Amino acid sequence: VYWMLNVSLTRDQDMRKSPPDLFPA
């Protein structure tokens, strides 16, 4: 549920970051 909220606030260009951001910077 938290990850769903995190991804909903993430920019398109940050979607494929590795490792992904645990918080939407």
mmCIF file of all heavy atoms, coordinates in Angstrom:
data_MODEL
# 
_entry.id   MODEL 
# 
loop_
_atom_site.group_PDB 
_atom_site.id 
_atom_site.type_symbol 
_atom_site.label_atom_id 
_atom_site.label_alt_id 
_atom_site.label_comp_id 
_atom_site.label_asym_id 
_atom_site.label_entity_id 
_atom_site.label_seq_id 
_atom_site.pdbx_PDB_ins_code 
_atom_site.Cartn_x 
_atom_site.Cartn_y 
_atom_site.Cartn_z 
_atom_site.occupancy 
_atom_site.B_iso_or_equiv 
_atom_site.pdbx_formal_charge 
_atom_site.auth_seq_id 
_atom_site.auth_comp_id 
_atom_site.auth_asym_id 
_atom_site.auth_atom_id 
_atom_site.pdbx_PDB_model_num 
ATOM 1   N N   . VAL A 1 1  ? 0.841  -1.196 0.000   1.00 0.00 ? 1  VAL A N   1 
ATOM 2   C CA  . VAL A 1 1  ? 0.000  0.000  0.000   1.00 0.00 ? 1  VAL A CA  1 
ATOM 3   C C   . VAL A 1 1  ? 0.879  1.250  0.000   1.00 0.00 ? 1  VAL A C   1 
ATOM 4   O O   . VAL A 1 1  ? 0.624  2.214  -0.745  1.00 0.00 ? 1  VAL A O   1 
ATOM 5   C CB  . VAL A 1 1  ? -0.939 0.002  1.218   1.00 0.00 ? 1  VAL A CB  1 
ATOM 6   C CG1 . VAL A 1 1  ? -1.782 1.276  1.245   1.00 0.00 ? 1  VAL A CG1 1 
ATOM 7   C CG2 . VAL A 1 1  ? -1.833 -1.222 1.205   1.00 0.00 ? 1  VAL A CG2 1 
ATOM 8   N N   . TYR A 1 2  ? 1.923  1.224  0.836   1.00 0.00 ? 2  TYR A N   1 
ATOM 9   C CA  . TYR A 1 2  ? 2.838  2.362  0.849   1.00 0.00 ? 2  TYR A CA  1 
ATOM 10  C C   . TYR A 1 2  ? 3.526  2.519  -0.504  1.00 0.00 ? 2  TYR A C   1 
ATOM 11  O O   . TYR A 1 2  ? 3.691  3.639  -1.000  1.00 0.00 ? 2  TYR A O   1 
ATOM 12  C CB  . TYR A 1 2  ? 3.895  2.191  1.943   1.00 0.00 ? 2  TYR A CB  1 
ATOM 13  C CG  . TYR A 1 2  ? 5.055  3.148  1.767   1.00 0.00 ? 2  TYR A CG  1 
ATOM 14  C CD1 . TYR A 1 2  ? 4.908  4.504  2.061   1.00 0.00 ? 2  TYR A CD1 1 
ATOM 15  C CD2 . TYR A 1 2  ? 6.282  2.695  1.261   1.00 0.00 ? 2  TYR A CD2 1 
ATOM 16  C CE1 . TYR A 1 2  ? 5.954  5.386  1.865   1.00 0.00 ? 2  TYR A CE1 1 
ATOM 17  C CE2 . TYR A 1 2  ? 7.330  3.581  1.066   1.00 0.00 ? 2  TYR A CE2 1 
ATOM 18  C CZ  . TYR A 1 2  ? 7.167  4.920  1.368   1.00 0.00 ? 2  TYR A CZ  1 
ATOM 19  O OH  . TYR A 1 2  ? 8.193  5.797  1.164   1.00 0.00 ? 2  TYR A OH  1 
ATOM 20  N N   . TRP A 1 3  ? 3.943  1.406  -1.107  1.00 0.00 ? 3  TRP A N   1 
ATOM 21  C CA  . TRP A 1 3  ? 4.644  1.495  -2.390  1.00 0.00 ? 3  TRP A CA  1 
ATOM 22  C C   . TRP A 1 3  ? 3.722  2.025  -3.489  1.00 0.00 ? 3  TRP A C   1 
ATOM 23  O O   . TRP A 1 3  ? 4.154  2.751  -4.375  1.00 0.00 ? 3  TRP A O   1 
ATOM 24  C CB  . TRP A 1 3  ? 5.207  0.133  -2.774  1.00 0.00 ? 3  TRP A CB  1 
ATOM 25  C CG  . TRP A 1 3  ? 6.274  0.231  -3.827  1.00 0.00 ? 3  TRP A CG  1 
ATOM 26  C CD1 . TRP A 1 3  ? 6.184  -0.177 -5.132  1.00 0.00 ? 3  TRP A CD1 1 
ATOM 27  C CD2 . TRP A 1 3  ? 7.566  0.792  -3.673  1.00 0.00 ? 3  TRP A CD2 1 
ATOM 28  N NE1 . TRP A 1 3  ? 7.347  0.096  -5.794  1.00 0.00 ? 3  TRP A NE1 1 
ATOM 29  C CE2 . TRP A 1 3  ? 8.220  0.698  -4.919  1.00 0.00 ? 3  TRP A CE2 1 
ATOM 30  C CE3 . TRP A 1 3  ? 8.251  1.371  -2.599  1.00 0.00 ? 3  TRP A CE3 1 
ATOM 31  C CZ2 . TRP A 1 3  ? 9.515  1.159  -5.123  1.00 0.00 ? 3  TRP A CZ2 1 
ATOM 32  C CZ3 . TRP A 1 3  ? 9.530  1.833  -2.804  1.00 0.00 ? 3  TRP A CZ3 1 
ATOM 33  C CH2 . TRP A 1 3  ? 10.145 1.727  -4.056  1.00 0.00 ? 3  TRP A CH2 1 
ATOM 34  N N   . MET A 1 4  ? 2.455  1.654  -3.411  1.00 0.00 ? 4  MET A N   1 
ATOM 35  C CA  . MET A 1 4  ? 1.477  2.193  -4.354  1.00 0.00 ? 4  MET A CA  1 
ATOM 36  C C   . MET A 1 4  ? 1.408  3.714  -4.231  1.00 0.00 ? 4  MET A C   1 
ATOM 37  O O   . MET A 1 4  ? 1.413  4.439  -5.243  1.00 0.00 ? 4  MET A O   1 
ATOM 38  C CB  . MET A 1 4  ? 0.104  1.573  -4.087  1.00 0.00 ? 4  MET A CB  1 
ATOM 39  C CG  . MET A 1 4  ? -1.026 2.101  -4.946  1.00 0.00 ? 4  MET A CG  1 
ATOM 40  S SD  . MET A 1 4  ? -2.583 1.230  -4.615  1.00 0.00 ? 4  MET A SD  1 
ATOM 41  C CE  . MET A 1 4  ? -2.919 1.779  -2.930  1.00 0.00 ? 4  MET A CE  1 
ATOM 42  N N   . LEU A 1 5  ? 1.376  4.207  -3.003  1.00 0.00 ? 5  LEU A N   1 
ATOM 43  C CA  . LEU A 1 5  ? 1.350  5.659  -2.779  1.00 0.00 ? 5  LEU A CA  1 
ATOM 44  C C   . LEU A 1 5  ? 2.653  6.305  -3.236  1.00 0.00 ? 5  LEU A C   1 
ATOM 45  O O   . LEU A 1 5  ? 2.639  7.383  -3.853  1.00 0.00 ? 5  LEU A O   1 
ATOM 46  C CB  . LEU A 1 5  ? 1.098  5.937  -1.299  1.00 0.00 ? 5  LEU A CB  1 
ATOM 47  C CG  . LEU A 1 5  ? 1.021  7.415  -0.875  1.00 0.00 ? 5  LEU A CG  1 
ATOM 48  C CD1 . LEU A 1 5  ? -0.120 8.118  -1.591  1.00 0.00 ? 5  LEU A CD1 1 
ATOM 49  C CD2 . LEU A 1 5  ? 0.865  7.526  0.634   1.00 0.00 ? 5  LEU A CD2 1 
ATOM 50  N N   . ASN A 1 6  ? 3.776  5.651  -2.967  1.00 0.00 ? 6  ASN A N   1 
ATOM 51  C CA  . ASN A 1 6  ? 5.075  6.179  -3.366  1.00 0.00 ? 6  ASN A CA  1 
ATOM 52  C C   . ASN A 1 6  ? 5.189  6.307  -4.881  1.00 0.00 ? 6  ASN A C   1 
ATOM 53  O O   . ASN A 1 6  ? 5.601  7.345  -5.409  1.00 0.00 ? 6  ASN A O   1 
ATOM 54  C CB  . ASN A 1 6  ? 6.180  5.267  -2.826  1.00 0.00 ? 6  ASN A CB  1 
ATOM 55  C CG  . ASN A 1 6  ? 7.567  5.742  -3.202  1.00 0.00 ? 6  ASN A CG  1 
ATOM 56  O OD1 . ASN A 1 6  ? 7.818  6.942  -3.298  1.00 0.00 ? 6  ASN A OD1 1 
ATOM 57  N ND2 . ASN A 1 6  ? 8.468  4.803  -3.442  1.00 0.00 ? 6  ASN A ND2 1 
ATOM 58  N N   . VAL A 1 7  ? 4.793  5.260  -5.592  1.00 0.00 ? 7  VAL A N   1 
ATOM 59  C CA  . VAL A 1 7  ? 4.879  5.280  -7.056  1.00 0.00 ? 7  VAL A CA  1 
ATOM 60  C C   . VAL A 1 7  ? 3.920  6.313  -7.638  1.00 0.00 ? 7  VAL A C   1 
ATOM 61  O O   . VAL A 1 7  ? 4.216  6.957  -8.647  1.00 0.00 ? 7  VAL A O   1 
ATOM 62  C CB  . VAL A 1 7  ? 4.596  3.884  -7.628  1.00 0.00 ? 7  VAL A CB  1 
ATOM 63  C CG1 . VAL A 1 7  ? 4.544  3.904  -9.159  1.00 0.00 ? 7  VAL A CG1 1 
ATOM 64  C CG2 . VAL A 1 7  ? 5.664  2.897  -7.168  1.00 0.00 ? 7  VAL A CG2 1 
ATOM 65  N N   . SER A 1 8  ? 2.769  6.508  -6.994  1.00 0.00 ? 8  SER A N   1 
ATOM 66  C CA  . SER A 1 8  ? 1.801  7.476  -7.514  1.00 0.00 ? 8  SER A CA  1 
ATOM 67  C C   . SER A 1 8  ? 2.348  8.901  -7.483  1.00 0.00 ? 8  SER A C   1 
ATOM 68  O O   . SER A 1 8  ? 1.869  9.767  -8.227  1.00 0.00 ? 8  SER A O   1 
ATOM 69  C CB  . SER A 1 8  ? 0.503  7.409  -6.707  1.00 0.00 ? 8  SER A CB  1 
ATOM 70  O OG  . SER A 1 8  ? 0.675  7.944  -5.398  1.00 0.00 ? 8  SER A OG  1 
ATOM 71  N N   . LEU A 1 9  ? 3.352  9.143  -6.641  1.00 0.00 ? 9  LEU A N   1 
ATOM 72  C CA  . LEU A 1 9  ? 3.948  10.470 -6.534  1.00 0.00 ? 9  LEU A CA  1 
ATOM 73  C C   . LEU A 1 9  ? 5.295  10.587 -7.249  1.00 0.00 ? 9  LEU A C   1 
ATOM 74  O O   . LEU A 1 9  ? 5.957  11.611 -7.177  1.00 0.00 ? 9  LEU A O   1 
ATOM 75  C CB  . LEU A 1 9  ? 4.144  10.830 -5.051  1.00 0.00 ? 9  LEU A CB  1 
ATOM 76  C CG  . LEU A 1 9  ? 2.869  10.948 -4.211  1.00 0.00 ? 9  LEU A CG  1 
ATOM 77  C CD1 . LEU A 1 9  ? 3.224  11.100 -2.740  1.00 0.00 ? 9  LEU A CD1 1 
ATOM 78  C CD2 . LEU A 1 9  ? 2.001  12.100 -4.677  1.00 0.00 ? 9  LEU A CD2 1 
ATOM 79  N N   . THR A 1 10 ? 5.712  9.529  -7.930  1.00 0.00 ? 10 THR A N   1 
ATOM 80  C CA  . THR A 1 10 ? 7.026  9.487  -8.575  1.00 0.00 ? 10 THR A CA  1 
ATOM 81  C C   . THR A 1 10 ? 6.947  10.009 -10.005 1.00 0.00 ? 10 THR A C   1 
ATOM 82  O O   . THR A 1 10 ? 5.999  9.711  -10.735 1.00 0.00 ? 10 THR A O   1 
ATOM 83  C CB  . THR A 1 10 ? 7.572  8.051  -8.573  1.00 0.00 ? 10 THR A CB  1 
ATOM 84  O OG1 . THR A 1 10 ? 7.647  7.569  -7.223  1.00 0.00 ? 10 THR A OG1 1 
ATOM 85  C CG2 . THR A 1 10 ? 8.957  7.991  -9.203  1.00 0.00 ? 10 THR A CG2 1 
ATOM 86  N N   . ARG A 1 11 ? 7.952  10.760 -10.425 1.00 0.00 ? 11 ARG A N   1 
ATOM 87  C CA  . ARG A 1 11 ? 8.009  11.272 -11.792 1.00 0.00 ? 11 ARG A CA  1 
ATOM 88  C C   . ARG A 1 11 ? 8.292  10.138 -12.779 1.00 0.00 ? 11 ARG A C   1 
ATOM 89  O O   . ARG A 1 11 ? 8.882  9.119  -12.428 1.00 0.00 ? 11 ARG A O   1 
ATOM 90  C CB  . ARG A 1 11 ? 9.099  12.335 -11.922 1.00 0.00 ? 11 ARG A CB  1 
ATOM 91  C CG  . ARG A 1 11 ? 8.926  13.540 -11.028 1.00 0.00 ? 11 ARG A CG  1 
ATOM 92  C CD  . ARG A 1 11 ? 10.040 14.549 -11.262 1.00 0.00 ? 11 ARG A CD  1 
ATOM 93  N NE  . ARG A 1 11 ? 11.370 13.930 -11.050 1.00 0.00 ? 11 ARG A NE  1 
ATOM 94  C CZ  . ARG A 1 11 ? 12.512 14.567 -11.258 1.00 0.00 ? 11 ARG A CZ  1 
ATOM 95  N NH1 . ARG A 1 11 ? 12.510 15.839 -11.681 1.00 0.00 ? 11 ARG A NH1 1 
ATOM 96  N NH2 . ARG A 1 11 ? 13.665 13.949 -11.040 1.00 0.00 ? 11 ARG A NH2 1 
ATOM 97  N N   . ASP A 1 12 ? 7.884  10.331 -14.031 1.00 0.00 ? 12 ASP A N   1 
ATOM 98  C CA  . ASP A 1 12 ? 8.098  9.312  -15.054 1.00 0.00 ? 12 ASP A CA  1 
ATOM 99  C C   . ASP A 1 12 ? 9.581  8.988  -15.225 1.00 0.00 ? 12 ASP A C   1 
ATOM 100 O O   . ASP A 1 12 ? 9.964  7.829  -15.395 1.00 0.00 ? 12 ASP A O   1 
ATOM 101 C CB  . ASP A 1 12 ? 7.514  9.769  -16.396 1.00 0.00 ? 12 ASP A CB  1 
ATOM 102 C CG  . ASP A 1 12 ? 5.995  9.785  -16.383 1.00 0.00 ? 12 ASP A CG  1 
ATOM 103 O OD1 . ASP A 1 12 ? 5.408  9.032  -15.579 1.00 0.00 ? 12 ASP A OD1 1 
ATOM 104 O OD2 . ASP A 1 12 ? 5.397  10.556 -17.162 1.00 0.00 ? 12 ASP A OD2 1 
ATOM 105 N N   . GLN A 1 13 ? 10.439 10.003 -15.201 1.00 0.00 ? 13 GLN A N   1 
ATOM 106 C CA  . GLN A 1 13 ? 11.863 9.769  -15.434 1.00 0.00 ? 13 GLN A CA  1 
ATOM 107 C C   . GLN A 1 13 ? 12.545 9.059  -14.277 1.00 0.00 ? 13 GLN A C   1 
ATOM 108 O O   . GLN A 1 13 ? 13.669 8.574  -14.412 1.00 0.00 ? 13 GLN A O   1 
ATOM 109 C CB  . GLN A 1 13 ? 12.588 11.088 -15.731 1.00 0.00 ? 13 GLN A CB  1 
ATOM 110 C CG  . GLN A 1 13 ? 12.443 12.146 -14.654 1.00 0.00 ? 13 GLN A CG  1 
ATOM 111 C CD  . GLN A 1 13 ? 11.296 13.096 -14.946 1.00 0.00 ? 13 GLN A CD  1 
ATOM 112 O OE1 . GLN A 1 13 ? 10.257 12.676 -15.449 1.00 0.00 ? 13 GLN A OE1 1 
ATOM 113 N NE2 . GLN A 1 13 ? 11.500 14.377 -14.645 1.00 0.00 ? 13 GLN A NE2 1 
ATOM 114 N N   . ASP A 1 14 ? 11.859 8.992  -13.114 1.00 0.00 ? 14 ASP A N   1 
ATOM 115 C CA  . ASP A 1 14 ? 12.439 8.299  -11.960 1.00 0.00 ? 14 ASP A CA  1 
ATOM 116 C C   . ASP A 1 14 ? 11.911 6.882  -11.794 1.00 0.00 ? 14 ASP A C   1 
ATOM 117 O O   . ASP A 1 14 ? 12.311 6.183  -10.849 1.00 0.00 ? 14 ASP A O   1 
ATOM 118 C CB  . ASP A 1 14 ? 12.152 9.087  -10.675 1.00 0.00 ? 14 ASP A CB  1 
ATOM 119 C CG  . ASP A 1 14 ? 12.831 10.441 -10.674 1.00 0.00 ? 14 ASP A CG  1 
ATOM 120 O OD1 . ASP A 1 14 ? 13.862 10.579 -11.359 1.00 0.00 ? 14 ASP A OD1 1 
ATOM 121 O OD2 . ASP A 1 14 ? 12.319 11.363 -10.000 1.00 0.00 ? 14 ASP A OD2 1 
ATOM 122 N N   . MET A 1 15 ? 11.043 6.436  -12.693 1.00 0.00 ? 15 MET A N   1 
ATOM 123 C CA  . MET A 1 15 ? 10.412 5.131  -12.530 1.00 0.00 ? 15 MET A CA  1 
ATOM 124 C C   . MET A 1 15 ? 11.408 3.978  -12.617 1.00 0.00 ? 15 MET A C   1 
ATOM 125 O O   . MET A 1 15 ? 11.267 2.961  -11.945 1.00 0.00 ? 15 MET A O   1 
ATOM 126 C CB  . MET A 1 15 ? 9.313  4.946  -13.586 1.00 0.00 ? 15 MET A CB  1 
ATOM 127 C CG  . MET A 1 15 ? 8.074  5.776  -13.348 1.00 0.00 ? 15 MET A CG  1 
ATOM 128 S SD  . MET A 1 15 ? 7.197  5.233  -11.875 1.00 0.00 ? 15 MET A SD  1 
ATOM 129 C CE  . MET A 1 15 ? 5.926  6.503  -11.802 1.00 0.00 ? 15 MET A CE  1 
ATOM 130 N N   . ARG A 1 16 ? 12.395 4.115  -13.469 1.00 0.00 ? 16 ARG A N   1 
ATOM 131 C CA  . ARG A 1 16 ? 13.323 3.005  -13.723 1.00 0.00 ? 16 ARG A CA  1 
ATOM 132 C C   . ARG A 1 16 ? 14.652 3.173  -13.002 1.00 0.00 ? 16 ARG A C   1 
ATOM 133 O O   . ARG A 1 16 ? 15.651 2.558  -13.391 1.00 0.00 ? 16 ARG A O   1 
ATOM 134 C CB  . ARG A 1 16 ? 13.544 2.859  -15.227 1.00 0.00 ? 16 ARG A CB  1 
ATOM 135 C CG  . ARG A 1 16 ? 12.270 2.557  -15.998 1.00 0.00 ? 16 ARG A CG  1 
ATOM 136 C CD  . ARG A 1 16 ? 12.536 2.283  -17.464 1.00 0.00 ? 16 ARG A CD  1 
ATOM 137 N NE  . ARG A 1 16 ? 11.305 2.020  -18.185 1.00 0.00 ? 16 ARG A NE  1 
ATOM 138 C CZ  . ARG A 1 16 ? 10.704 0.827  -18.270 1.00 0.00 ? 16 ARG A CZ  1 
ATOM 139 N NH1 . ARG A 1 16 ? 11.242 -0.208 -17.648 1.00 0.00 ? 16 ARG A NH1 1 
ATOM 140 N NH2 . ARG A 1 16 ? 9.590  0.677  -18.958 1.00 0.00 ? 16 ARG A NH2 1 
ATOM 141 N N   . LYS A 1 17 ? 14.671 4.001  -11.971 1.00 0.00 ? 17 LYS A N   1 
ATOM 142 C CA  . LYS A 1 17 ? 15.903 4.160  -11.202 1.00 0.00 ? 17 LYS A CA  1 
ATOM 143 C C   . LYS A 1 17 ? 16.256 2.854  -10.486 1.00 0.00 ? 17 LYS A C   1 
ATOM 144 O O   . LYS A 1 17 ? 15.378 2.110  -10.042 1.00 0.00 ? 17 LYS A O   1 
ATOM 145 C CB  . LYS A 1 17 ? 15.749 5.280  -10.174 1.00 0.00 ? 17 LYS A CB  1 
ATOM 146 C CG  . LYS A 1 17 ? 15.736 6.666  -10.765 1.00 0.00 ? 17 LYS A CG  1 
ATOM 147 C CD  . LYS A 1 17 ? 15.675 7.722  -9.675  1.00 0.00 ? 17 LYS A CD  1 
ATOM 148 C CE  . LYS A 1 17 ? 16.903 7.661  -8.785  1.00 0.00 ? 17 LYS A CE  1 
ATOM 149 N NZ  . LYS A 1 17 ? 16.905 8.769  -7.786  1.00 0.00 ? 17 LYS A NZ  1 
ATOM 150 N N   . SER A 1 18 ? 17.543 2.584  -10.397 1.00 0.00 ? 18 SER A N   1 
ATOM 151 C CA  . SER A 1 18 ? 18.003 1.384  -9.711  1.00 0.00 ? 18 SER A CA  1 
ATOM 152 C C   . SER A 1 18 ? 19.153 1.751  -8.762  1.00 0.00 ? 18 SER A C   1 
ATOM 153 O O   . SER A 1 18 ? 20.212 2.222  -9.221  1.00 0.00 ? 18 SER A O   1 
ATOM 154 C CB  . SER A 1 18 ? 18.475 0.336  -10.726 1.00 0.00 ? 18 SER A CB  1 
ATOM 155 O OG  . SER A 1 18 ? 18.878 -0.852 -10.063 1.00 0.00 ? 18 SER A OG  1 
ATOM 156 N N   . PRO A 1 19 ? 18.951 1.588  -7.467  1.00 0.00 ? 19 PRO A N   1 
ATOM 157 C CA  . PRO A 1 19 ? 17.724 1.129  -6.817  1.00 0.00 ? 19 PRO A CA  1 
ATOM 158 C C   . PRO A 1 19 ? 16.659 2.212  -6.796  1.00 0.00 ? 19 PRO A C   1 
ATOM 159 O O   . PRO A 1 19 ? 16.992 3.402  -6.885  1.00 0.00 ? 19 PRO A O   1 
ATOM 160 C CB  . PRO A 1 19 ? 18.210 0.814  -5.396  1.00 0.00 ? 19 PRO A CB  1 
ATOM 161 C CG  . PRO A 1 19 ? 19.350 1.756  -5.174  1.00 0.00 ? 19 PRO A CG  1 
ATOM 162 C CD  . PRO A 1 19 ? 20.039 1.871  -6.504  1.00 0.00 ? 19 PRO A CD  1 
ATOM 163 N N   . PRO A 1 20 ? 15.396 1.833  -6.662  1.00 0.00 ? 20 PRO A N   1 
ATOM 164 C CA  . PRO A 1 20 ? 14.329 2.843  -6.649  1.00 0.00 ? 20 PRO A CA  1 
ATOM 165 C C   . PRO A 1 20 ? 14.341 3.652  -5.358  1.00 0.00 ? 20 PRO A C   1 
ATOM 166 O O   . PRO A 1 20 ? 14.880 3.220  -4.329  1.00 0.00 ? 20 PRO A O   1 
ATOM 167 C CB  . PRO A 1 20 ? 13.057 1.999  -6.754  1.00 0.00 ? 20 PRO A CB  1 
ATOM 168 C CG  . PRO A 1 20 ? 13.439 0.675  -6.179  1.00 0.00 ? 20 PRO A CG  1 
ATOM 169 C CD  . PRO A 1 20 ? 14.880 0.454  -6.561  1.00 0.00 ? 20 PRO A CD  1 
ATOM 170 N N   . ASP A 1 21 ? 13.769 4.814  -5.413  1.00 0.00 ? 21 ASP A N   1 
ATOM 171 C CA  . ASP A 1 21 ? 13.681 5.675  -4.227  1.00 0.00 ? 21 ASP A CA  1 
ATOM 172 C C   . ASP A 1 21 ? 12.621 5.131  -3.272  1.00 0.00 ? 21 ASP A C   1 
ATOM 173 O O   . ASP A 1 21 ? 11.484 4.841  -3.693  1.00 0.00 ? 21 ASP A O   1 
ATOM 174 C CB  . ASP A 1 21 ? 13.313 7.110  -4.623  1.00 0.00 ? 21 ASP A CB  1 
ATOM 175 C CG  . ASP A 1 21 ? 14.415 7.777  -5.426  1.00 0.00 ? 21 ASP A CG  1 
ATOM 176 O OD1 . ASP A 1 21 ? 15.583 7.465  -5.180  1.00 0.00 ? 21 ASP A OD1 1 
ATOM 177 O OD2 . ASP A 1 21 ? 14.078 8.605  -6.303  1.00 0.00 ? 21 ASP A OD2 1 
ATOM 178 N N   . LEU A 1 22 ? 12.997 4.986  -2.020  1.00 0.00 ? 22 LEU A N   1 
ATOM 179 C CA  . LEU A 1 22 ? 12.023 4.554  -1.019  1.00 0.00 ? 22 LEU A CA  1 
ATOM 180 C C   . LEU A 1 22 ? 11.054 5.673  -0.672  1.00 0.00 ? 22 LEU A C   1 
ATOM 181 O O   . LEU A 1 22 ? 9.967  5.424  -0.156  1.00 0.00 ? 22 LEU A O   1 
ATOM 182 C CB  . LEU A 1 22 ? 12.740 4.072  0.249   1.00 0.00 ? 22 LEU A CB  1 
ATOM 183 C CG  . LEU A 1 22 ? 13.556 2.777  0.095   1.00 0.00 ? 22 LEU A CG  1 
ATOM 184 C CD1 . LEU A 1 22 ? 14.240 2.441  1.413   1.00 0.00 ? 22 LEU A CD1 1 
ATOM 185 C CD2 . LEU A 1 22 ? 12.661 1.629  -0.355  1.00 0.00 ? 22 LEU A CD2 1 
ATOM 186 N N   . PHE A 1 23 ? 11.453 6.905  -0.952  1.00 0.00 ? 23 PHE A N   1 
ATOM 187 C CA  . PHE A 1 23 ? 10.589 8.064  -0.749  1.00 0.00 ? 23 PHE A CA  1 
ATOM 188 C C   . PHE A 1 23 ? 10.612 8.890  -2.034  1.00 0.00 ? 23 PHE A C   1 
ATOM 189 O O   . PHE A 1 23 ? 11.650 8.971  -2.702  1.00 0.00 ? 23 PHE A O   1 
ATOM 190 C CB  . PHE A 1 23 ? 11.073 8.912  0.433   1.00 0.00 ? 23 PHE A CB  1 
ATOM 191 C CG  . PHE A 1 23 ? 11.167 8.162  1.724   1.00 0.00 ? 23 PHE A CG  1 
ATOM 192 C CD1 . PHE A 1 23 ? 12.372 7.607  2.125   1.00 0.00 ? 23 PHE A CD1 1 
ATOM 193 C CD2 . PHE A 1 23 ? 10.057 7.996  2.532   1.00 0.00 ? 23 PHE A CD2 1 
ATOM 194 C CE1 . PHE A 1 23 ? 12.472 6.906  3.311   1.00 0.00 ? 23 PHE A CE1 1 
ATOM 195 C CE2 . PHE A 1 23 ? 10.140 7.303  3.722   1.00 0.00 ? 23 PHE A CE2 1 
ATOM 196 C CZ  . PHE A 1 23 ? 11.344 6.744  4.110   1.00 0.00 ? 23 PHE A CZ  1 
ATOM 197 N N   . PRO A 1 24 ? 9.497  9.495  -2.395  1.00 0.00 ? 24 PRO A N   1 
ATOM 198 C CA  . PRO A 1 24 ? 9.469  10.311 -3.625  1.00 0.00 ? 24 PRO A CA  1 
ATOM 199 C C   . PRO A 1 24 ? 10.249 11.607 -3.439  1.00 0.00 ? 24 PRO A C   1 
ATOM 200 O O   . PRO A 1 24 ? 9.711  12.613 -2.957  1.00 0.00 ? 24 PRO A O   1 
ATOM 201 C CB  . PRO A 1 24 ? 7.974  10.570 -3.847  1.00 0.00 ? 24 PRO A CB  1 
ATOM 202 C CG  . PRO A 1 24 ? 7.362  10.448 -2.482  1.00 0.00 ? 24 PRO A CG  1 
ATOM 203 C CD  . PRO A 1 24 ? 8.178  9.420  -1.741  1.00 0.00 ? 24 PRO A CD  1 
ATOM 204 N N   . ALA A 1 25 ? 11.541 11.580 -3.808  1.00 0.00 ? 25 ALA A N   1 
ATOM 205 C CA  . ALA A 1 25 ? 12.399 12.753 -3.599  1.00 0.00 ? 25 ALA A CA  1 
ATOM 206 C C   . ALA A 1 25 ? 11.916 13.947 -4.408  1.00 0.00 ? 25 ALA A C   1 
ATOM 207 O O   . ALA A 1 25 ? 12.017 15.090 -3.957  1.00 0.00 ? 25 ALA A O   1 
ATOM 208 C CB  . ALA A 1 25 ? 13.841 12.399 -3.961  1.00 0.00 ? 25 ALA A CB  1 
# 
